[in-house]
Protein backbone atom coordinates (compact mmCIF):
# COMPACT_ATOMS: atom_id res chain seq x y z
CA MET A 1 -16.31 -21.55 12.44
CA THR A 2 -13.80 -22.92 14.94
CA ARG A 3 -13.18 -20.39 17.70
CA ALA A 4 -10.77 -20.22 20.60
CA PRO A 5 -10.65 -18.08 23.75
CA GLY A 6 -9.31 -14.66 22.97
CA ARG A 7 -10.37 -14.81 19.34
CA LYS A 8 -12.36 -11.95 17.89
CA PRO A 9 -16.16 -12.16 18.27
CA PHE A 10 -17.99 -14.26 15.68
CA VAL A 11 -20.90 -12.13 14.48
CA ILE A 12 -23.93 -13.77 12.85
CA ALA A 13 -26.25 -11.59 10.79
CA GLU A 14 -29.64 -13.21 11.40
CA ALA A 15 -31.44 -12.74 8.09
CA GLY A 16 -34.09 -15.26 9.13
CA ASN A 17 -37.08 -14.90 6.85
CA ASN A 18 -36.59 -11.19 6.29
CA HIS A 19 -36.29 -11.94 2.57
CA ASN A 20 -40.13 -12.25 2.53
CA GLY A 21 -39.85 -15.10 0.05
CA ASP A 22 -37.82 -13.14 -2.52
CA LEU A 23 -34.44 -14.55 -3.58
CA LYS A 24 -33.11 -11.17 -4.68
CA THR A 25 -33.83 -9.77 -1.24
CA ALA A 26 -32.15 -12.78 0.37
CA LEU A 27 -29.01 -12.19 -1.67
CA GLY A 28 -29.20 -8.53 -0.70
CA LEU A 29 -29.16 -9.57 2.96
CA VAL A 30 -26.01 -11.58 2.32
CA ASP A 31 -24.40 -8.49 0.79
CA LEU A 32 -25.55 -6.36 3.72
CA ALA A 33 -23.89 -8.76 6.15
CA LYS A 34 -20.69 -8.75 4.12
CA ARG A 35 -20.50 -4.96 3.92
CA ALA A 36 -21.08 -4.70 7.68
CA ASP A 37 -18.13 -7.06 8.35
CA ALA A 38 -20.21 -9.83 9.91
CA ASP A 39 -18.62 -13.28 9.98
CA SER A 40 -21.72 -15.18 8.94
CA VAL A 41 -25.23 -14.73 7.61
CA LYS A 42 -27.96 -17.07 8.81
CA PHE A 43 -31.41 -17.76 7.40
CA GLN A 44 -34.32 -19.89 8.63
CA ILE A 45 -35.48 -22.90 6.64
CA ILE A 46 -39.06 -23.37 7.76
CA ASN A 47 -41.34 -26.07 6.38
CA PRO A 48 -44.60 -24.81 7.89
CA GLU A 49 -46.13 -28.27 8.25
CA GLY A 50 -43.03 -29.41 10.10
CA LEU A 51 -43.37 -26.66 12.68
CA TYR A 52 -47.03 -25.71 13.10
CA LEU A 53 -50.28 -27.55 13.75
CA PRO A 54 -52.04 -27.61 10.33
CA ALA A 55 -55.53 -26.93 11.68
CA PHE A 56 -57.44 -26.32 14.90
CA TYR A 57 -60.36 -28.53 15.89
CA GLU A 58 -63.16 -26.22 17.02
CA GLY A 59 -66.89 -26.78 17.48
CA GLY A 60 -66.96 -30.09 15.69
CA GLY A 61 -64.92 -28.92 12.71
CA TYR A 62 -61.45 -27.82 11.64
CA ARG A 63 -60.12 -24.32 11.08
CA ALA A 64 -56.91 -23.96 9.09
CA ASN A 65 -53.98 -22.48 10.97
CA PRO A 66 -53.43 -19.07 9.32
CA VAL A 67 -49.70 -19.10 10.17
CA ILE A 68 -49.20 -21.99 7.75
CA GLU A 69 -50.27 -19.91 4.77
CA ALA A 70 -48.35 -16.86 6.01
CA ARG A 71 -45.18 -18.92 6.25
CA ARG A 72 -45.74 -20.43 2.81
CA ARG A 73 -45.97 -16.96 1.28
CA THR A 74 -42.56 -16.02 2.64
CA ALA A 75 -40.77 -19.33 2.00
CA LEU A 76 -37.92 -19.86 -0.42
CA CYS A 77 -37.61 -23.04 -2.47
CA ASP A 78 -34.77 -25.54 -2.11
CA ASP A 79 -33.03 -24.21 -5.23
CA ASP A 80 -33.08 -20.71 -3.74
CA TYR A 81 -31.08 -21.89 -0.75
CA GLY A 82 -28.60 -23.43 -3.15
CA ARG A 83 -28.26 -20.03 -4.85
CA ILE A 84 -27.77 -18.40 -1.45
CA ALA A 85 -25.02 -20.89 -0.57
CA GLU A 86 -23.28 -20.21 -3.89
CA HIS A 87 -23.57 -16.44 -3.43
CA CYS A 88 -22.11 -16.66 0.07
CA LYS A 89 -19.19 -18.72 -1.21
CA ALA A 90 -18.55 -16.22 -3.98
CA ARG A 91 -18.62 -13.36 -1.48
CA GLY A 92 -16.35 -15.19 0.96
CA MET A 93 -19.19 -15.25 3.48
CA ASP A 94 -19.86 -17.96 6.05
CA TRP A 95 -23.51 -19.02 6.10
CA SER A 96 -26.05 -21.30 7.75
CA ALA A 97 -29.72 -21.54 8.70
CA SER A 98 -31.93 -22.42 11.60
CA VAL A 99 -33.69 -25.73 10.93
CA PHE A 100 -36.93 -26.93 12.46
CA ASP A 101 -37.47 -30.46 11.14
CA GLU A 102 -35.58 -33.31 9.51
CA GLU A 103 -36.40 -32.14 6.01
CA SER A 104 -34.89 -28.69 6.53
CA LEU A 105 -31.92 -30.24 8.37
CA ALA A 106 -31.22 -32.54 5.42
CA LEU A 107 -31.42 -29.65 2.96
CA LEU A 108 -29.07 -27.49 4.99
CA LEU A 109 -26.46 -30.22 5.39
CA ARG A 110 -26.52 -30.93 1.64
CA LEU A 111 -25.44 -27.32 1.16
CA ARG A 112 -22.42 -27.77 3.48
CA PRO A 113 -22.88 -25.03 6.10
CA SER A 114 -20.20 -24.37 8.69
CA TYR A 115 -22.69 -24.89 11.53
CA VAL A 116 -26.28 -25.94 12.17
CA LYS A 117 -28.48 -23.60 14.19
CA ILE A 118 -31.19 -24.96 16.48
CA ALA A 119 -33.62 -22.29 17.70
CA SER A 120 -34.77 -21.83 21.27
CA CYS A 121 -38.16 -23.37 20.53
CA ASP A 122 -36.45 -26.73 19.96
CA LEU A 123 -34.11 -26.80 22.93
CA ASN A 124 -36.37 -29.32 24.68
CA ASN A 125 -37.23 -31.20 21.46
CA ILE A 126 -34.93 -34.05 22.44
CA MET A 127 -35.87 -36.36 19.56
CA PHE A 128 -35.02 -33.69 17.02
CA LEU A 129 -31.85 -32.70 18.86
CA LYS A 130 -30.63 -36.29 18.74
CA LYS A 131 -31.29 -36.54 15.01
CA ALA A 132 -29.56 -33.22 14.43
CA ALA A 133 -26.59 -34.41 16.48
CA GLN A 134 -26.37 -37.64 14.50
CA ARG A 135 -26.52 -35.89 11.15
CA ALA A 136 -24.30 -32.93 12.07
CA GLY A 137 -21.82 -35.19 13.84
CA ALA A 138 -21.52 -37.43 10.79
CA GLU A 139 -20.72 -34.37 8.67
CA GLY A 140 -18.36 -32.86 11.23
CA VAL A 141 -20.52 -29.76 11.56
CA ARG A 142 -20.84 -27.70 14.73
CA MET A 143 -24.23 -27.03 16.34
CA VAL A 144 -25.29 -23.66 17.72
CA LEU A 145 -28.15 -23.95 20.20
CA SER A 146 -30.17 -21.01 21.54
CA THR A 147 -31.42 -21.25 25.10
CA GLY A 148 -34.34 -18.81 25.15
CA MET A 149 -37.44 -19.77 27.16
CA SER A 150 -35.41 -22.46 28.94
CA THR A 151 -34.50 -23.22 32.53
CA LEU A 152 -31.01 -24.32 33.49
CA GLY A 153 -32.40 -27.82 34.11
CA GLU A 154 -33.81 -28.00 30.60
CA ILE A 155 -30.50 -26.90 29.12
CA GLU A 156 -28.68 -29.53 31.20
CA ARG A 157 -31.00 -32.28 29.95
CA SER A 158 -30.53 -31.24 26.32
CA VAL A 159 -26.75 -31.01 26.56
CA ALA A 160 -26.69 -34.40 28.28
CA ALA A 161 -28.84 -35.89 25.51
CA LEU A 162 -26.41 -34.59 22.89
CA ALA A 163 -23.48 -35.98 24.88
CA LYS A 164 -25.12 -39.42 24.87
CA GLU A 165 -25.06 -39.21 21.08
CA GLY A 166 -21.33 -38.55 21.29
CA PHE A 167 -21.84 -34.95 20.19
CA SER A 168 -19.96 -32.16 21.95
CA ASP A 169 -19.11 -29.64 19.20
CA LEU A 170 -21.68 -27.25 20.61
CA VAL A 171 -22.11 -23.53 21.18
CA LEU A 172 -24.75 -22.31 23.64
CA LEU A 173 -26.33 -18.92 22.97
CA HIS A 174 -27.87 -17.12 25.90
CA CYS A 175 -31.17 -15.77 24.66
CA VAL A 176 -34.10 -13.83 26.05
CA SER A 177 -37.03 -14.63 23.75
CA VAL A 178 -38.69 -11.23 23.85
CA TYR A 179 -38.94 -9.17 20.66
CA PRO A 180 -37.50 -6.61 21.12
CA ALA A 181 -35.88 -7.36 24.47
CA PRO A 182 -35.34 -4.47 26.93
CA LEU A 183 -31.77 -4.28 28.19
CA VAL A 184 -32.91 -4.60 31.81
CA ARG A 185 -34.45 -8.00 31.01
CA MET A 186 -31.33 -9.47 29.37
CA ASN A 187 -30.14 -11.39 32.47
CA LEU A 188 -26.57 -11.31 31.21
CA GLY A 189 -25.31 -12.88 34.42
CA PHE A 190 -26.67 -16.16 33.06
CA ILE A 191 -23.72 -16.20 30.64
CA ASP A 192 -21.52 -16.87 33.67
CA VAL A 193 -23.81 -19.75 34.63
CA LEU A 194 -23.61 -21.28 31.16
CA LYS A 195 -19.81 -21.03 31.09
CA LYS A 196 -19.38 -22.51 34.56
CA THR A 197 -21.94 -25.28 34.15
CA PHE A 198 -21.04 -26.59 30.71
CA ALA A 199 -17.47 -25.52 29.86
CA LEU A 200 -18.65 -24.89 26.29
CA PRO A 201 -18.27 -21.84 24.04
CA VAL A 202 -21.07 -19.40 24.73
CA GLY A 203 -22.61 -16.45 22.94
CA LEU A 204 -25.61 -14.17 22.83
CA SER A 205 -28.66 -14.19 20.62
CA ASP A 206 -29.36 -10.49 21.02
CA HIS A 207 -32.87 -9.11 20.50
CA THR A 208 -32.15 -5.67 21.96
CA GLN A 209 -32.07 -2.62 19.72
CA ASP A 210 -28.38 -1.69 19.97
CA SER A 211 -24.98 -3.11 20.83
CA LEU A 212 -24.83 -2.50 24.58
CA ALA A 213 -25.98 -5.96 25.69
CA SER A 214 -23.58 -7.67 23.29
CA VAL A 215 -20.65 -5.53 24.40
CA MET A 216 -21.36 -6.45 28.02
CA ALA A 217 -21.67 -10.12 27.04
CA LEU A 218 -18.32 -9.88 25.24
CA ALA A 219 -16.72 -8.62 28.46
CA LYS A 220 -18.15 -11.70 30.19
CA GLY A 221 -16.47 -14.01 27.71
CA ALA A 222 -19.17 -14.51 25.07
CA GLU A 223 -17.66 -15.36 21.68
CA TYR A 224 -20.68 -15.66 19.36
CA PHE A 225 -23.21 -12.93 18.63
CA GLU A 226 -26.43 -13.17 16.63
CA LYS A 227 -28.42 -10.10 15.58
CA HIS A 228 -31.48 -9.78 13.30
CA VAL A 229 -30.95 -7.73 10.13
CA THR A 230 -33.30 -6.37 7.48
CA LEU A 231 -33.12 -4.22 4.38
CA SER A 232 -36.00 -2.14 5.79
CA ARG A 233 -37.81 -2.20 9.12
CA ASP A 234 -40.90 -0.86 7.36
CA GLN A 235 -41.57 -4.15 5.57
CA GLU A 236 -44.32 -6.48 6.66
CA GLY A 237 -43.19 -9.76 8.16
CA PHE A 238 -42.43 -11.60 11.37
CA ASP A 239 -39.08 -10.05 12.33
CA HIS A 240 -38.52 -6.77 10.47
CA ALA A 241 -39.68 -4.49 13.28
CA HIS A 242 -37.05 -5.70 15.77
CA SER A 243 -34.23 -6.10 13.23
CA LEU A 244 -31.40 -3.68 12.47
CA GLU A 245 -31.00 -1.98 9.12
CA GLU A 246 -27.55 -1.79 7.56
CA PRO A 247 -26.21 1.40 9.22
CA ALA A 248 -27.24 0.23 12.68
CA PHE A 249 -25.97 -3.29 12.10
CA ALA A 250 -22.63 -2.02 10.78
CA ARG A 251 -22.35 0.08 13.95
CA TYR A 252 -23.19 -3.01 16.01
CA VAL A 253 -20.40 -5.03 14.41
CA LYS A 254 -17.94 -2.15 14.74
CA ASP A 255 -18.81 -1.76 18.42
CA LEU A 256 -18.08 -5.44 19.01
CA ARG A 257 -14.81 -5.35 17.08
CA GLU A 258 -13.58 -2.26 18.91
CA SER A 259 -14.77 -3.56 22.29
CA PHE A 260 -12.85 -6.77 21.71
CA GLU A 261 -9.70 -4.76 21.10
CA ALA A 262 -10.39 -2.78 24.26
CA VAL A 263 -10.74 -5.83 26.53
CA SER A 264 -8.07 -8.06 24.98
CA GLY A 265 -4.99 -6.10 25.96
CA GLY A 266 -2.50 -7.32 28.55
CA GLY A 267 0.71 -6.50 26.72
CA GLU A 268 2.41 -3.13 26.90
CA LYS A 269 0.32 -0.64 28.86
CA LEU A 270 1.26 2.37 26.73
CA SER A 271 0.28 2.69 23.09
CA GLU A 272 2.08 4.98 20.66
CA GLU A 273 -0.91 7.34 20.87
CA GLU A 274 -0.73 7.52 24.66
CA LEU A 275 3.03 7.99 24.59
CA ALA A 276 2.52 10.98 22.28
CA VAL A 277 0.13 12.52 24.80
CA ARG A 278 2.55 11.80 27.63
CA ARG A 279 5.31 13.77 25.91
CA ARG A 280 3.28 16.95 26.21
CA ALA A 281 1.29 16.21 29.38
CA ARG A 282 3.84 14.71 31.78
CA ARG A 283 5.95 17.04 33.97
CA SER A 284 9.74 17.03 33.98
CA LEU A 285 12.53 18.88 35.79
CA TYR A 286 13.76 22.28 34.58
CA ALA A 287 16.05 24.94 36.07
CA ALA A 288 14.03 27.75 37.64
CA ARG A 289 16.99 30.18 37.27
CA ARG A 290 20.51 30.26 35.92
CA LEU A 291 22.74 28.03 38.03
CA GLU A 292 26.51 28.50 38.08
CA ARG A 293 29.18 25.86 37.92
CA GLY A 294 29.69 24.24 41.34
CA GLU A 295 26.45 25.68 42.73
CA ALA A 296 24.26 23.33 44.77
CA VAL A 297 20.71 22.86 43.49
CA ARG A 298 18.03 23.87 45.98
CA GLU A 299 14.40 22.75 45.92
CA GLU A 300 13.25 26.18 44.77
CA ASP A 301 15.70 25.96 41.84
CA VAL A 302 13.70 23.11 40.30
CA LEU A 303 10.62 23.65 38.16
CA VAL A 304 8.37 20.58 37.84
CA VAL A 305 6.39 21.47 34.72
CA ARG A 306 5.32 20.30 31.28
CA PRO A 307 6.42 19.11 28.75
CA GLU A 308 8.17 15.79 29.34
CA ALA A 309 11.97 16.05 29.13
CA ALA A 310 15.00 14.08 30.28
CA MET A 311 14.22 13.70 33.98
CA ARG A 312 10.84 12.67 35.39
CA ALA A 313 8.92 14.52 38.09
CA ASP A 314 9.55 11.65 40.53
CA GLU A 315 13.33 12.15 40.15
CA ALA A 316 13.32 15.60 41.80
CA GLY A 317 14.81 14.16 44.98
CA SER A 318 17.88 13.02 43.08
CA VAL A 319 18.50 16.56 41.74
CA VAL A 320 18.18 18.64 44.91
CA GLY A 321 21.53 18.87 46.73
CA LYS A 322 23.61 17.97 43.69
CA ARG A 323 26.21 20.42 42.33
CA CYS A 324 26.31 21.70 38.77
CA LYS A 325 29.22 20.48 36.64
CA ASP A 326 28.76 23.50 34.38
CA ALA A 327 26.45 26.47 34.23
CA ILE A 328 22.81 25.58 33.62
CA MET A 329 20.61 28.14 31.90
CA GLN A 330 17.18 29.15 33.17
CA TYR A 331 14.46 26.76 31.85
CA GLN A 332 17.08 24.29 30.68
CA PRO A 333 15.98 20.70 31.39
CA PHE A 334 18.00 18.93 34.04
CA THR A 335 19.89 15.85 32.85
CA PRO A 336 21.99 13.50 35.00
CA ASP A 337 25.20 14.42 33.17
CA LEU A 338 24.85 18.08 34.27
CA LEU A 339 25.06 17.19 37.97
CA GLU A 340 27.59 15.63 40.38
């Protein structure tokens, strides 16, 4: 997952829990990401008891937290994640998962991901960040940290805490934790703030419904892009409604790839395609009438018209006043060797 400035965008297909607890669906999401030309597919390993309060104390008694059971119904087992890791390897697909407690972190690292993802909800969970840094650092694994719901000061404290652990292999994802997020609320200028403040690779966790925000982020120097995917938006679940189905996600990846090519020029200005257009669209110099040997060329004797020929339109001044070495036929292109 190592990236460098000027490298193509690294696109993460955020499968999350859109498998709804079904391994076959999870493997299908891997295949979707591969077909769409994403660089990585990412899941979420959620142990409900490690993320949510088990019960609420109300009126002298306890009421079970209904989210716990909902999350249990859509959870995969440890062996399933092993199957996912194997399937990704077989498909030549980079993979990882968001982790939310030490148990899920340990499971993920056993499966040798190329990075560890920490969600926005844990940006200020300093104790967990330190443990993640210790474990990921020992394995030589990069950390990707989303910054949704966070102030700049909170991000600074978290990055400083990781630095105290000797951990700096970090990517910061700008994120607006609204689902879906309207483009006008994306605050993409904050990418500039992240780059200037931390001198770390940055990216975008994009919860909009198309590619426009990511393309703009790419132009600002973002290198990593995360987008929710699903096999069907009609399914029940936490994230399906704001995820992209395969055709839209494939378009998203293609937009990023093509936008990268568009902004990463700097070599020769003219492509072969543009040169072909220039040959028919640029004006050149032609004889407006038959000119005899020894005759001086007047301004009215020069046609400046398409298509492109030997002498450019801006060379007309070097033709007028010259004498013809030989006769020049009407509509014949002027060339330097015809004049003296």
